[in-house]
């Protein structure tokens, strides 16, 4: 998720999907110690998992630690320290609501197709899109994903989690979704217009525009369909309420664990449709 605006909540649900590709404690590269040795070990693990030497070399050759990323990560408390009213007032104003309504009109046909396939209402998708990157016009992050993830994977606090994210990021390149040059993201390796962590990208990414790849930086169709797929897979139901205390609100926990953030999604969605 967009880091400057959400205090870097790593409990974004996509974080949990690192378990899908994360190395087990027995197989994981050893954290800490010499950074170059760690990169060699994780490179060998990637190769054994089917990643080509060409991709490994391009992504990890010469990669360096980013102490700014590490320091930023260690400063985070992963909690909101504002009330809902304070938080929502900074995130959902008239300009963003009007922008969201314009997106609903501009992409009406696309959103109808996504609703029909995944059963997630358009206002929820547009609300998430707006909160994350201001409908793709805002900050998607400017950091090299492989430098970020290698730095965080080498750190021993959550090494298995970020080793899994690093392997997933390599897989994104391996299968041709994004080139190395487009693997740019935020302070925890989030990518694209709705800020998917790499393991989420692999697990939930959808090629909805039919070009043969999942492109979450520039393809609005892929962005919105992939976001819908994540919610649908985790139980979101069309036509049911999504406010706090509902099953759909709980399904959104897979997007973000923070209650205040999910309440903001629901509030924004209601504003978009005039509720």
C-alpha atoms as a PDB file:
ATOM      1  CA  UNK A   1       0.000   0.000   0.000  1.00  0.00           C
ATOM      2  CA  UNK A   2       0.982   3.581  -0.564  1.00  0.00           C
ATOM      3  CA  UNK A   3       3.548   4.087   2.165  1.00  0.00           C
ATOM      4  CA  UNK A   4       3.450   7.793   2.896  1.00  0.00           C
ATOM      5  CA  UNK A   5      -0.294   7.702   3.377  1.00  0.00           C
ATOM      6  CA  UNK A   6      -0.766   4.595   5.460  1.00  0.00           C
ATOM      7  CA  UNK A   7       2.184   4.515   7.877  1.00  0.00           C
ATOM      8  CA  UNK A   8       3.490   1.381   6.172  1.00  0.00           C
ATOM      9  CA  UNK A   9       1.060  -1.227   7.418  1.00  0.00           C
ATOM     10  CA  UNK A  10       2.845  -4.464   6.634  1.00  0.00           C
ATOM     11  CA  UNK A  11      -0.203  -6.303   7.756  1.00  0.00           C
ATOM     12  CA  UNK A  12      -1.561  -5.625   4.301  1.00  0.00           C
ATOM     13  CA  UNK A  13      -2.977  -9.031   3.601  1.00  0.00           C
ATOM     14  CA  UNK A  14      -0.538  -9.649   0.825  1.00  0.00           C
ATOM     15  CA  UNK A  15       2.177  -9.970   3.423  1.00  0.00           C
ATOM     16  CA  UNK A  16       0.573 -13.178   4.576  1.00  0.00           C
ATOM     17  CA  UNK A  17       0.899 -14.694   1.156  1.00  0.00           C
ATOM     18  CA  UNK A  18       4.672 -14.811   1.560  1.00  0.00           C
ATOM     19  CA  UNK A  19       4.111 -18.180   3.146  1.00  0.00           C
ATOM     20  CA  UNK A  20       3.127 -19.465  -0.267  1.00  0.00           C
ATOM     21  CA  UNK A  21       6.642 -19.136  -1.608  1.00  0.00           C
ATOM     22  CA  UNK A  22       8.696 -18.584   1.540  1.00  0.00           C
ATOM     23  CA  UNK A  23      11.519 -20.914   2.309  1.00  0.00           C
ATOM     24  CA  UNK A  24      11.084 -23.126   5.334  1.00  0.00           C
ATOM     25  CA  UNK A  25      13.351 -22.496   8.290  1.00  0.00           C
ATOM     26  CA  UNK A  26      15.400 -25.496   7.268  1.00  0.00           C
ATOM     27  CA  UNK A  27      15.889 -24.325   3.671  1.00  0.00           C
ATOM     28  CA  UNK A  28      16.018 -20.551   4.056  1.00  0.00           C
ATOM     29  CA  UNK A  29      19.215 -18.697   3.322  1.00  0.00           C
ATOM     30  CA  UNK A  30      20.870 -17.638   6.556  1.00  0.00           C
ATOM     31  CA  UNK A  31      19.989 -14.087   7.505  1.00  0.00           C
ATOM     32  CA  UNK A  32      22.487 -11.597   8.846  1.00  0.00           C
ATOM     33  CA  UNK A  33      26.197 -12.013   8.360  1.00  0.00           C
ATOM     34  CA  UNK A  34      27.900 -11.286   5.073  1.00  0.00           C
ATOM     35  CA  UNK A  35      25.434  -9.746   2.624  1.00  0.00           C
ATOM     36  CA  UNK A  36      27.118 -11.060  -0.506  1.00  0.00           C
ATOM     37  CA  UNK A  37      27.133 -14.592   0.882  1.00  0.00           C
ATOM     38  CA  UNK A  38      23.436 -14.235   1.601  1.00  0.00           C
ATOM     39  CA  UNK A  39      22.780 -13.119  -1.974  1.00  0.00           C
ATOM     40  CA  UNK A  40      24.713 -16.135  -3.271  1.00  0.00           C
ATOM     41  CA  UNK A  41      22.652 -18.477  -1.101  1.00  0.00           C
ATOM     42  CA  UNK A  42      19.297 -16.981  -2.073  1.00  0.00           C
ATOM     43  CA  UNK A  43      20.390 -17.019  -5.721  1.00  0.00           C
ATOM     44  CA  UNK A  44      21.120 -20.723  -5.469  1.00  0.00           C
ATOM     45  CA  UNK A  45      17.731 -21.298  -3.883  1.00  0.00           C
ATOM     46  CA  UNK A  46      16.029 -19.348  -6.678  1.00  0.00           C
ATOM     47  CA  UNK A  47      17.863 -21.417  -9.289  1.00  0.00           C
ATOM     48  CA  UNK A  48      16.783 -24.639  -7.618  1.00  0.00           C
ATOM     49  CA  UNK A  49      13.213 -23.318  -7.769  1.00  0.00           C
ATOM     50  CA  UNK A  50      13.347 -22.879 -11.530  1.00  0.00           C
ATOM     51  CA  UNK A  51      14.398 -19.248 -11.918  1.00  0.00           C
ATOM     52  CA  UNK A  52      16.799 -18.841 -14.832  1.00  0.00           C
ATOM     53  CA  UNK A  53      20.369 -17.748 -14.286  1.00  0.00           C
ATOM     54  CA  UNK A  54      19.719 -14.822 -16.623  1.00  0.00           C
ATOM     55  CA  UNK A  55      16.921 -13.462 -14.454  1.00  0.00           C
ATOM     56  CA  UNK A  56      18.894 -14.068 -11.262  1.00  0.00           C
ATOM     57  CA  UNK A  57      21.916 -12.263 -12.671  1.00  0.00           C
ATOM     58  CA  UNK A  58      19.896  -9.283 -13.873  1.00  0.00           C
ATOM     59  CA  UNK A  59      17.938  -8.975 -10.630  1.00  0.00           C
ATOM     60  CA  UNK A  60      20.555  -9.764  -8.012  1.00  0.00           C
ATOM     61  CA  UNK A  61      23.894  -9.185  -9.703  1.00  0.00           C
ATOM     62  CA  UNK A  62      25.543  -6.316  -7.868  1.00  0.00           C
ATOM     63  CA  UNK A  63      22.569  -5.769  -5.571  1.00  0.00           C
ATOM     64  CA  UNK A  64      23.434  -3.772  -2.453  1.00  0.00           C
ATOM     65  CA  UNK A  65      21.896  -3.237   0.940  1.00  0.00           C
ATOM     66  CA  UNK A  66      19.693  -0.191   1.331  1.00  0.00           C
ATOM     67  CA  UNK A  67      20.134   1.055   4.861  1.00  0.00           C
ATOM     68  CA  UNK A  68      17.472   3.729   4.347  1.00  0.00           C
ATOM     69  CA  UNK A  69      14.931   0.960   3.668  1.00  0.00           C
ATOM     70  CA  UNK A  70      16.074  -0.956   6.736  1.00  0.00           C
ATOM     71  CA  UNK A  71      15.966   2.103   8.956  1.00  0.00           C
ATOM     72  CA  UNK A  72      12.545   3.081   7.636  1.00  0.00           C
ATOM     73  CA  UNK A  73      11.239  -0.419   8.249  1.00  0.00           C
ATOM     74  CA  UNK A  74      12.529  -0.492  11.792  1.00  0.00           C
ATOM     75  CA  UNK A  75      10.884   2.826  12.619  1.00  0.00           C
ATOM     76  CA  UNK A  76       7.430   1.556  11.752  1.00  0.00           C
ATOM     77  CA  UNK A  77       4.996   0.553  14.483  1.00  0.00           C
ATOM     78  CA  UNK A  78       2.463  -0.904  12.032  1.00  0.00           C
ATOM     79  CA  UNK A  79      -0.423   0.731  13.832  1.00  0.00           C
ATOM     80  CA  UNK A  80      -2.633   3.736  13.213  1.00  0.00           C
ATOM     81  CA  UNK A  81      -2.419   6.414  15.867  1.00  0.00           C
ATOM     82  CA  UNK A  82      -5.408   8.428  14.627  1.00  0.00           C
ATOM     83  CA  UNK A  83      -9.097   8.007  15.176  1.00  0.00           C
ATOM     84  CA  UNK A  84     -11.165   6.908  12.198  1.00  0.00           C
ATOM     85  CA  UNK A  85     -12.576  10.417  11.846  1.00  0.00           C
ATOM     86  CA  UNK A  86      -9.098  11.941  11.827  1.00  0.00           C
ATOM     87  CA  UNK A  87      -7.744   9.376   9.394  1.00  0.00           C
ATOM     88  CA  UNK A  88     -10.612   9.395   6.913  1.00  0.00           C
ATOM     89  CA  UNK A  89     -10.581  13.195   6.776  1.00  0.00           C
ATOM     90  CA  UNK A  90      -7.020  13.053   5.431  1.00  0.00           C
ATOM     91  CA  UNK A  91      -7.751  10.351   2.851  1.00  0.00           C
ATOM     92  CA  UNK A  92     -11.261  10.868   1.516  1.00  0.00           C
ATOM     93  CA  UNK A  93     -12.021  14.433   0.535  1.00  0.00           C
ATOM     94  CA  UNK A  94     -14.218  15.991  -2.167  1.00  0.00           C
ATOM     95  CA  UNK A  95     -11.451  15.909  -4.759  1.00  0.00           C
ATOM     96  CA  UNK A  96     -10.796  12.211  -4.355  1.00  0.00           C
ATOM     97  CA  UNK A  97     -14.513  11.393  -4.253  1.00  0.00           C
ATOM     98  CA  UNK A  98     -15.064  13.322  -7.495  1.00  0.00           C
ATOM     99  CA  UNK A  99     -12.060  11.602  -9.014  1.00  0.00           C
ATOM    100  CA  UNK A 100     -13.440   8.224  -8.027  1.00  0.00           C
ATOM    101  CA  UNK A 101     -16.815   8.993  -9.532  1.00  0.00           C
ATOM    102  CA  UNK A 102     -15.067   9.970 -12.753  1.00  0.00           C
ATOM    103  CA  UNK A 103     -13.260   6.618 -12.739  1.00  0.00           C
ATOM    104  CA  UNK A 104     -16.568   4.801 -12.253  1.00  0.00           C
ATOM    105  CA  UNK A 105     -17.878   6.480 -15.386  1.00  0.00           C
ATOM    106  CA  UNK A 106     -14.715   6.152 -17.462  1.00  0.00           C
ATOM    107  CA  UNK A 107     -14.302   2.458 -16.740  1.00  0.00           C
ATOM    108  CA  UNK A 108     -17.977   1.491 -16.466  1.00  0.00           C
ATOM    109  CA  UNK A 109     -17.842  -1.300 -19.042  1.00  0.00           C
ATOM    110  CA  UNK A 110     -14.648  -2.769 -17.607  1.00  0.00           C
ATOM    111  CA  UNK A 111     -16.015  -2.643 -14.072  1.00  0.00           C
ATOM    112  CA  UNK A 112     -19.226  -4.351 -15.184  1.00  0.00           C
ATOM    113  CA  UNK A 113     -17.178  -7.210 -16.631  1.00  0.00           C
ATOM    114  CA  UNK A 114     -15.141  -7.512 -13.455  1.00  0.00           C
ATOM    115  CA  UNK A 115     -18.250  -7.477 -11.281  1.00  0.00           C
ATOM    116  CA  UNK A 116     -19.781 -10.233 -13.397  1.00  0.00           C
ATOM    117  CA  UNK A 117     -16.689 -12.435 -13.143  1.00  0.00           C
ATOM    118  CA  UNK A 118     -15.557 -11.856  -9.562  1.00  0.00           C
ATOM    119  CA  UNK A 119     -18.608 -10.582  -7.693  1.00  0.00           C
ATOM    120  CA  UNK A 120     -16.946  -7.558  -6.118  1.00  0.00           C
ATOM    121  CA  UNK A 121     -18.755  -4.213  -6.446  1.00  0.00           C
ATOM    122  CA  UNK A 122     -17.094  -1.525  -8.491  1.00  0.00           C
ATOM    123  CA  UNK A 123     -17.155   1.084  -5.734  1.00  0.00           C
ATOM    124  CA  UNK A 124     -14.999  -1.107  -3.482  1.00  0.00           C
ATOM    125  CA  UNK A 125     -12.417  -1.587  -6.246  1.00  0.00           C
ATOM    126  CA  UNK A 126     -12.320   2.098  -7.123  1.00  0.00           C
ATOM    127  CA  UNK A 127     -12.073   3.035  -3.431  1.00  0.00           C
ATOM    128  CA  UNK A 128      -9.039   0.786  -2.950  1.00  0.00           C
ATOM    129  CA  UNK A 129      -7.498   2.091  -6.166  1.00  0.00           C
ATOM    130  CA  UNK A 130      -7.974   5.660  -5.027  1.00  0.00           C
ATOM    131  CA  UNK A 131      -6.625   5.106  -1.538  1.00  0.00           C
ATOM    132  CA  UNK A 132      -3.555   3.245  -2.738  1.00  0.00           C
ATOM    133  CA  UNK A 133      -2.251   5.428  -5.579  1.00  0.00           C
ATOM    134  CA  UNK A 134      -4.918   8.028  -6.373  1.00  0.00           C
ATOM    135  CA  UNK A 135      -6.192   5.905  -9.275  1.00  0.00           C
ATOM    136  CA  UNK A 136      -2.717   5.223 -10.600  1.00  0.00           C
ATOM    137  CA  UNK A 137      -1.770   8.895 -10.768  1.00  0.00           C
ATOM    138  CA  UNK A 138      -0.065   8.969  -7.388  1.00  0.00           C
ATOM    139  CA  UNK A 139       3.074   7.490  -5.915  1.00  0.00           C
ATOM    140  CA  UNK A 140       3.572   3.809  -6.684  1.00  0.00           C
ATOM    141  CA  UNK A 141       7.012   3.907  -5.095  1.00  0.00           C
ATOM    142  CA  UNK A 142      10.389   4.735  -6.586  1.00  0.00           C
ATOM    143  CA  UNK A 143      12.635   2.043  -5.128  1.00  0.00           C
ATOM    144  CA  UNK A 144      14.188  -0.937  -6.934  1.00  0.00           C
ATOM    145  CA  UNK A 145      12.151  -3.891  -5.700  1.00  0.00           C
ATOM    146  CA  UNK A 146      15.065  -6.319  -5.670  1.00  0.00           C
ATOM    147  CA  UNK A 147      17.251  -4.014  -3.613  1.00  0.00           C
ATOM    148  CA  UNK A 148      14.412  -3.485  -1.128  1.00  0.00           C
ATOM    149  CA  UNK A 149      13.490  -7.141  -0.782  1.00  0.00           C
ATOM    150  CA  UNK A 150      17.064  -8.410  -0.595  1.00  0.00           C
ATOM    151  CA  UNK A 151      17.753  -5.879   2.151  1.00  0.00           C
ATOM    152  CA  UNK A 152      14.682  -6.933   4.141  1.00  0.00           C
ATOM    153  CA  UNK A 153      15.273 -10.644   3.520  1.00  0.00           C
ATOM    154  CA  UNK A 154      18.836 -10.360   4.828  1.00  0.00           C
ATOM    155  CA  UNK A 155      17.556  -8.699   8.003  1.00  0.00           C
ATOM    156  CA  UNK A 156      16.758 -11.396  10.564  1.00  0.00           C
ATOM    157  CA  UNK A 157      13.513  -9.913  11.889  1.00  0.00           C
ATOM    158  CA  UNK A 158      11.284 -11.359   9.144  1.00  0.00           C
ATOM    159  CA  UNK A 159      13.734 -13.109   6.895  1.00  0.00           C
ATOM    160  CA  UNK A 160      11.501 -15.995   5.798  1.00  0.00           C
ATOM    161  CA  UNK A 161       8.682 -13.619   4.914  1.00  0.00           C
ATOM    162  CA  UNK A 162      10.873 -11.438   2.724  1.00  0.00           C
ATOM    163  CA  UNK A 163      12.811 -14.325   1.252  1.00  0.00           C
ATOM    164  CA  UNK A 164       9.433 -15.541   0.022  1.00  0.00           C
ATOM    165  CA  UNK A 165       8.645 -12.096  -1.381  1.00  0.00           C
ATOM    166  CA  UNK A 166      12.047 -11.972  -3.095  1.00  0.00           C
ATOM    167  CA  UNK A 167      11.498 -15.352  -4.747  1.00  0.00           C
ATOM    168  CA  UNK A 168       8.035 -14.231  -5.855  1.00  0.00           C
ATOM    169  CA  UNK A 169       9.492 -11.037  -7.345  1.00  0.00           C
ATOM    170  CA  UNK A 170      11.954 -13.133  -9.350  1.00  0.00           C
ATOM    171  CA  UNK A 171       9.047 -15.224 -10.590  1.00  0.00           C
ATOM    172  CA  UNK A 172       7.221 -12.100 -11.808  1.00  0.00           C
ATOM    173  CA  UNK A 173      10.181 -11.362 -14.064  1.00  0.00           C
ATOM    174  CA  UNK A 174      10.685 -15.015 -15.001  1.00  0.00           C
ATOM    175  CA  UNK A 175       7.161 -15.409 -16.333  1.00  0.00           C
ATOM    176  CA  UNK A 176       7.350 -12.145 -18.279  1.00  0.00           C
ATOM    177  CA  UNK A 177       4.882  -9.988 -16.388  1.00  0.00           C
ATOM    178  CA  UNK A 178       7.290  -7.108 -15.813  1.00  0.00           C
ATOM    179  CA  UNK A 179      10.861  -6.460 -16.954  1.00  0.00           C
ATOM    180  CA  UNK A 180      13.559  -5.697 -14.406  1.00  0.00           C
ATOM    181  CA  UNK A 181      13.334  -2.008 -15.303  1.00  0.00           C
ATOM    182  CA  UNK A 182       9.681  -1.935 -14.188  1.00  0.00           C
ATOM    183  CA  UNK A 183      10.300  -3.695 -10.875  1.00  0.00           C
ATOM    184  CA  UNK A 184      10.018  -0.439  -8.974  1.00  0.00           C
ATOM    185  CA  UNK A 185       7.960  -0.163  -5.827  1.00  0.00           C
ATOM    186  CA  UNK A 186       7.596   0.999  -2.265  1.00  0.00           C
ATOM    187  CA  UNK A 187       9.436   0.419   1.009  1.00  0.00           C
ATOM    188  CA  UNK A 188       8.260  -3.182   1.469  1.00  0.00           C
ATOM    189  CA  UNK A 189       8.430  -4.143  -2.200  1.00  0.00           C
ATOM    190  CA  UNK A 190       4.801  -3.331  -3.084  1.00  0.00           C
ATOM    191  CA  UNK A 191       4.202  -3.013  -6.814  1.00  0.00           C
ATOM    192  CA  UNK A 192       1.646  -1.293  -8.992  1.00  0.00           C
ATOM    193  CA  UNK A 193      -1.506   0.768  -8.845  1.00  0.00           C
ATOM    194  CA  UNK A 194      -3.039  -1.136  -5.933  1.00  0.00           C
ATOM    195  CA  UNK A 195       0.308  -1.971  -4.333  1.00  0.00           C
ATOM    196  CA  UNK A 196       0.517  -5.756  -4.418  1.00  0.00           C
ATOM    197  CA  UNK A 197       3.361  -7.476  -2.665  1.00  0.00           C
ATOM    198  CA  UNK A 198       5.076  -9.902  -5.061  1.00  0.00           C
ATOM    199  CA  UNK A 199       3.552 -13.031  -3.540  1.00  0.00           C
ATOM    200  CA  UNK A 200       0.090 -11.482  -3.974  1.00  0.00           C
ATOM    201  CA  UNK A 201       1.017 -10.584  -7.527  1.00  0.00           C
ATOM    202  CA  UNK A 202       1.767 -14.252  -8.211  1.00  0.00           C
ATOM    203  CA  UNK A 203      -1.208 -15.658  -6.310  1.00  0.00           C
ATOM    204  CA  UNK A 204      -3.976 -13.260  -7.339  1.00  0.00           C
ATOM    205  CA  UNK A 205      -2.743 -11.483 -10.455  1.00  0.00           C
ATOM    206  CA  UNK A 206      -5.131 -11.704 -13.428  1.00  0.00           C
ATOM    207  CA  UNK A 207      -4.429 -11.055 -17.102  1.00  0.00           C
ATOM    208  CA  UNK A 208      -7.772  -9.390 -17.739  1.00  0.00           C
ATOM    209  CA  UNK A 209      -6.760  -7.456 -20.845  1.00  0.00           C
ATOM    210  CA  UNK A 210      -5.680 -10.665 -22.582  1.00  0.00           C
ATOM    211  CA  UNK A 211      -2.150  -9.615 -23.543  1.00  0.00           C
ATOM    212  CA  UNK A 212      -0.573 -12.703 -22.012  1.00  0.00           C
ATOM    213  CA  UNK A 213       0.887 -11.137 -18.900  1.00  0.00           C
ATOM    214  CA  UNK A 214      -0.223  -9.694 -15.581  1.00  0.00           C
ATOM    215  CA  UNK A 215       0.738  -6.023 -15.686  1.00  0.00           C
ATOM    216  CA  UNK A 216      -0.139  -4.231 -12.456  1.00  0.00           C
ATOM    217  CA  UNK A 217       1.721  -1.007 -13.160  1.00  0.00           C
ATOM    218  CA  UNK A 218       0.027   0.174 -16.353  1.00  0.00           C
ATOM    219  CA  UNK A 219      -2.937  -2.069 -17.209  1.00  0.00           C
ATOM    220  CA  UNK A 220      -6.050  -0.770 -15.467  1.00  0.00           C
ATOM    221  CA  UNK A 221      -7.911  -3.934 -16.466  1.00  0.00           C
ATOM    222  CA  UNK A 222      -5.321  -6.174 -14.816  1.00  0.00           C
ATOM    223  CA  UNK A 223      -5.080  -3.921 -11.758  1.00  0.00           C
ATOM    224  CA  UNK A 224      -8.803  -3.867 -11.006  1.00  0.00           C
ATOM    225  CA  UNK A 225      -9.433  -7.517 -11.888  1.00  0.00           C
ATOM    226  CA  UNK A 226      -6.522  -8.686  -9.738  1.00  0.00           C
ATOM    227  CA  UNK A 227      -7.785  -6.625  -6.810  1.00  0.00           C
ATOM    228  CA  UNK A 228     -11.233  -8.135  -7.295  1.00  0.00           C
ATOM    229  CA  UNK A 229      -9.757 -11.620  -7.507  1.00  0.00           C
ATOM    230  CA  UNK A 230      -7.994 -11.178  -4.180  1.00  0.00           C
ATOM    231  CA  UNK A 231     -11.204 -10.120  -2.464  1.00  0.00           C
ATOM    232  CA  UNK A 232     -13.357 -12.745  -4.196  1.00  0.00           C
ATOM    233  CA  UNK A 233     -10.947 -15.549  -3.333  1.00  0.00           C
ATOM    234  CA  UNK A 234     -11.115 -14.523   0.307  1.00  0.00           C
ATOM    235  CA  UNK A 235     -14.895 -14.587   0.488  1.00  0.00           C
ATOM    236  CA  UNK A 236     -16.197 -11.208  -0.626  1.00  0.00           C
ATOM    237  CA  UNK A 237     -19.811 -11.545  -1.811  1.00  0.00           C
ATOM    238  CA  UNK A 238     -21.613  -9.271  -4.268  1.00  0.00           C
ATOM    239  CA  UNK A 239     -24.777  -7.643  -2.954  1.00  0.00           C
ATOM    240  CA  UNK A 240     -23.982  -8.151   0.722  1.00  0.00           C
ATOM    241  CA  UNK A 241     -23.134  -5.276   3.069  1.00  0.00           C
ATOM    242  CA  UNK A 242     -19.470  -4.508   3.644  1.00  0.00           C
ATOM    243  CA  UNK A 243     -19.514  -2.332   6.727  1.00  0.00           C
ATOM    244  CA  UNK A 244     -17.762  -3.142   9.976  1.00  0.00           C
ATOM    245  CA  UNK A 245     -19.005  -6.390  11.510  1.00  0.00           C
ATOM    246  CA  UNK A 246     -20.056  -7.979   8.219  1.00  0.00           C
ATOM    247  CA  UNK A 247     -18.606 -11.020   6.469  1.00  0.00           C
ATOM    248  CA  UNK A 248     -17.419  -8.818   3.610  1.00  0.00           C
ATOM    249  CA  UNK A 249     -15.627  -6.520   6.044  1.00  0.00           C
ATOM    250  CA  UNK A 250     -13.832  -9.589   7.356  1.00  0.00           C
ATOM    251  CA  UNK A 251     -13.008 -10.677   3.798  1.00  0.00           C
ATOM    252  CA  UNK A 252     -11.311  -7.307   3.300  1.00  0.00           C
ATOM    253  CA  UNK A 253      -8.983  -8.242   6.139  1.00  0.00           C
ATOM    254  CA  UNK A 254      -6.999 -10.087   3.507  1.00  0.00           C
ATOM    255  CA  UNK A 255      -6.382  -6.692   1.946  1.00  0.00           C
ATOM    256  CA  UNK A 256      -5.466  -4.952   5.174  1.00  0.00           C
ATOM    257  CA  UNK A 257      -5.759  -6.155   8.761  1.00  0.00           C
ATOM    258  CA  UNK A 258      -6.265  -2.665  10.152  1.00  0.00           C
ATOM    259  CA  UNK A 259      -9.900  -1.994  11.022  1.00  0.00           C
ATOM    260  CA  UNK A 260      -9.496   1.727  10.442  1.00  0.00           C
ATOM    261  CA  UNK A 261      -8.251   1.168   6.902  1.00  0.00           C
ATOM    262  CA  UNK A 262     -11.095  -1.196   6.030  1.00  0.00           C
ATOM    263  CA  UNK A 263     -13.598   1.272   7.472  1.00  0.00           C
ATOM    264  CA  UNK A 264     -12.045   3.906   5.229  1.00  0.00           C
ATOM    265  CA  UNK A 265     -12.460   1.666   2.174  1.00  0.00           C
ATOM    266  CA  UNK A 266     -16.119   1.098   3.055  1.00  0.00           C
ATOM    267  CA  UNK A 267     -16.752   4.792   3.749  1.00  0.00           C
ATOM    268  CA  UNK A 268     -15.105   5.851   0.486  1.00  0.00           C
ATOM    269  CA  UNK A 269     -17.029   3.219  -1.457  1.00  0.00           C
ATOM    270  CA  UNK A 270     -20.316   4.502  -0.015  1.00  0.00           C
ATOM    271  CA  UNK A 271     -19.393   8.090  -0.901  1.00  0.00           C
ATOM    272  CA  UNK A 272     -18.724   7.049  -4.490  1.00  0.00           C
ATOM    273  CA  UNK A 273     -22.261   5.740  -4.924  1.00  0.00           C
ATOM    274  CA  UNK A 274     -23.968   8.458  -2.901  1.00  0.00           C
ATOM    275  CA  UNK A 275     -24.784   6.521   0.234  1.00  0.00           C
END
